[in-house]
Amino acid sequence: MNTMDRQSQAFFEARYQASSDPWQFASSAYELDRYQATLESLSRASYRSGFEPGCSVGVLTAALARRIDHLIALRHFCHRGRVRKGALPRTMQRRDPSARYRRGSARGHI
């Protein structure tokens, strides 16, 4: 991991340590409108599989999970102490039982 990656990870971990939703993804009118526009842009009512890179607190993920049979949501930065390796907080898993959450980076894989 290079210096920039470590600095970025420390920044995001500190933000998520201070707040479970540091950018108000679940309450911001702008974000909620953006999620709605994203969902409206999908051409079909349902999909067999999907991938959401950067799922953060899982707001959009919850909506996508209702339309996607097998959804994988990836979150790169997770604060220490609340996230087990390979999984996100249980509150997100309970919200979206059909979604599989992963902690990691898509760098080099996409």
Protein backbone atom coordinates (compact mmCIF):
# COMPACT_ATOMS: atom_id res chain seq x y z
CA MET A 1 0.00 0.00 0.00
CA ASN A 2 1.53 3.34 -0.97
CA THR A 3 1.54 6.49 1.18
CA MET A 4 -1.49 7.98 -0.60
CA ASP A 5 -3.51 4.80 0.01
CA ARG A 6 -2.62 4.80 3.72
CA GLN A 7 -3.53 8.47 4.06
CA SER A 8 -6.83 7.96 2.24
CA GLN A 9 -7.67 4.92 4.31
CA ALA A 10 -6.89 6.77 7.55
CA PHE A 11 -9.08 9.69 6.44
CA PHE A 12 -12.07 7.51 5.63
CA GLU A 13 -11.67 5.34 8.71
CA ALA A 14 -11.64 8.47 10.88
CA ARG A 15 -14.79 9.80 9.19
CA TYR A 16 -16.67 6.51 9.66
CA GLN A 17 -15.43 6.25 13.25
CA ALA A 18 -16.92 9.67 14.01
CA SER A 19 -20.26 8.97 12.30
CA SER A 20 -22.03 5.93 10.86
CA ASP A 21 -23.13 8.12 7.91
CA PRO A 22 -20.49 10.87 7.61
CA TRP A 23 -21.82 12.29 4.33
CA GLN A 24 -25.54 11.93 5.21
CA PHE A 25 -26.19 9.49 2.39
CA ALA A 26 -29.35 8.31 4.14
CA SER A 27 -30.80 11.78 4.75
CA SER A 28 -29.42 14.22 2.16
CA ALA A 29 -32.06 15.35 -0.34
CA TYR A 30 -29.36 15.55 -3.00
CA GLU A 31 -28.23 11.97 -2.41
CA LEU A 32 -31.76 10.60 -2.22
CA ASP A 33 -32.62 12.35 -5.51
CA ARG A 34 -29.46 10.93 -7.06
CA TYR A 35 -30.39 7.42 -5.94
CA GLN A 36 -33.88 7.85 -7.40
CA ALA A 37 -32.42 9.02 -10.72
CA THR A 38 -30.08 6.03 -10.75
CA LEU A 39 -32.94 3.61 -10.16
CA GLU A 40 -35.09 5.28 -12.82
CA SER A 41 -32.25 4.93 -15.33
CA LEU A 42 -32.34 1.13 -15.06
CA SER A 43 -34.08 -0.22 -18.13
CA ARG A 44 -35.59 -3.35 -16.53
CA ALA A 45 -37.59 -4.02 -13.41
CA SER A 46 -35.26 -6.79 -12.27
CA TYR A 47 -31.78 -8.17 -12.92
CA ARG A 48 -30.10 -11.50 -12.22
CA SER A 49 -26.85 -10.01 -10.95
CA GLY A 50 -25.24 -6.69 -10.17
CA PHE A 51 -22.20 -5.05 -8.67
CA GLU A 52 -22.05 -1.81 -6.71
CA PRO A 53 -18.53 -0.50 -6.13
CA GLY A 54 -18.29 1.95 -3.26
CA CYS A 55 -21.51 1.12 -1.41
CA SER A 56 -20.61 3.18 1.70
CA VAL A 57 -23.51 2.93 4.16
CA GLY A 58 -25.70 0.88 1.82
CA VAL A 59 -28.58 3.24 1.03
CA LEU A 60 -28.50 2.70 -2.73
CA THR A 61 -27.56 -0.92 -2.12
CA ALA A 62 -30.82 -1.49 -0.26
CA ALA A 63 -32.82 -0.19 -3.22
CA LEU A 64 -30.78 -2.15 -5.74
CA ALA A 65 -31.14 -5.35 -3.70
CA ARG A 66 -34.91 -5.20 -4.21
CA ARG A 67 -34.36 -5.38 -7.98
CA ILE A 68 -31.24 -7.54 -8.29
CA ASP A 69 -31.28 -11.23 -7.41
CA HIS A 70 -27.54 -11.53 -6.72
CA LEU A 71 -25.95 -8.22 -5.76
CA ILE A 72 -22.38 -7.77 -4.61
CA ALA A 73 -21.65 -4.44 -2.92
CA LEU A 74 -18.05 -3.41 -2.35
CA ARG A 75 -16.85 -0.97 0.27
CA HIS A 76 -13.16 -0.11 0.29
CA PHE A 77 -12.89 1.87 3.50
CA CYS A 78 -14.31 0.53 6.74
CA HIS A 79 -13.45 1.80 10.16
CA ARG A 80 -11.69 -0.61 12.45
CA GLY A 81 -13.53 -2.31 15.26
CA ARG A 82 -16.91 -2.63 13.56
CA VAL A 83 -15.97 -4.54 10.45
CA ARG A 84 -14.76 -8.11 10.29
CA LYS A 85 -12.49 -9.04 7.43
CA GLY A 86 -14.63 -9.75 4.37
CA ALA A 87 -17.89 -8.40 5.79
CA LEU A 88 -19.68 -5.18 6.58
CA PRO A 89 -21.63 -4.31 9.73
CA ARG A 90 -24.51 -6.65 10.50
CA THR A 91 -26.97 -3.77 10.33
CA MET A 92 -26.27 -3.53 6.59
CA GLN A 93 -26.63 -7.30 6.15
CA ARG A 94 -29.96 -7.29 7.98
CA ARG A 95 -31.21 -4.45 5.79
CA ASP A 96 -30.31 -6.27 2.57
CA PRO A 97 -30.25 -10.03 3.10
CA SER A 98 -30.03 -10.70 -0.65
CA ALA A 99 -26.94 -8.52 -1.05
CA ARG A 100 -23.46 -9.81 -0.37
CA TYR A 101 -21.18 -7.17 1.09
CA ARG A 102 -17.44 -7.25 0.68
CA ARG A 103 -14.69 -5.06 2.02
CA GLY A 104 -11.93 -4.49 -0.48
CA SER A 105 -10.73 -2.59 -3.49
CA ALA A 106 -11.63 -3.08 -7.11
CA ARG A 107 -8.30 -1.54 -8.10
CA GLY A 108 -6.59 -3.77 -10.60
CA HIS A 109 -9.67 -5.96 -11.08
CA ILE A 110 -11.81 -3.75 -13.30
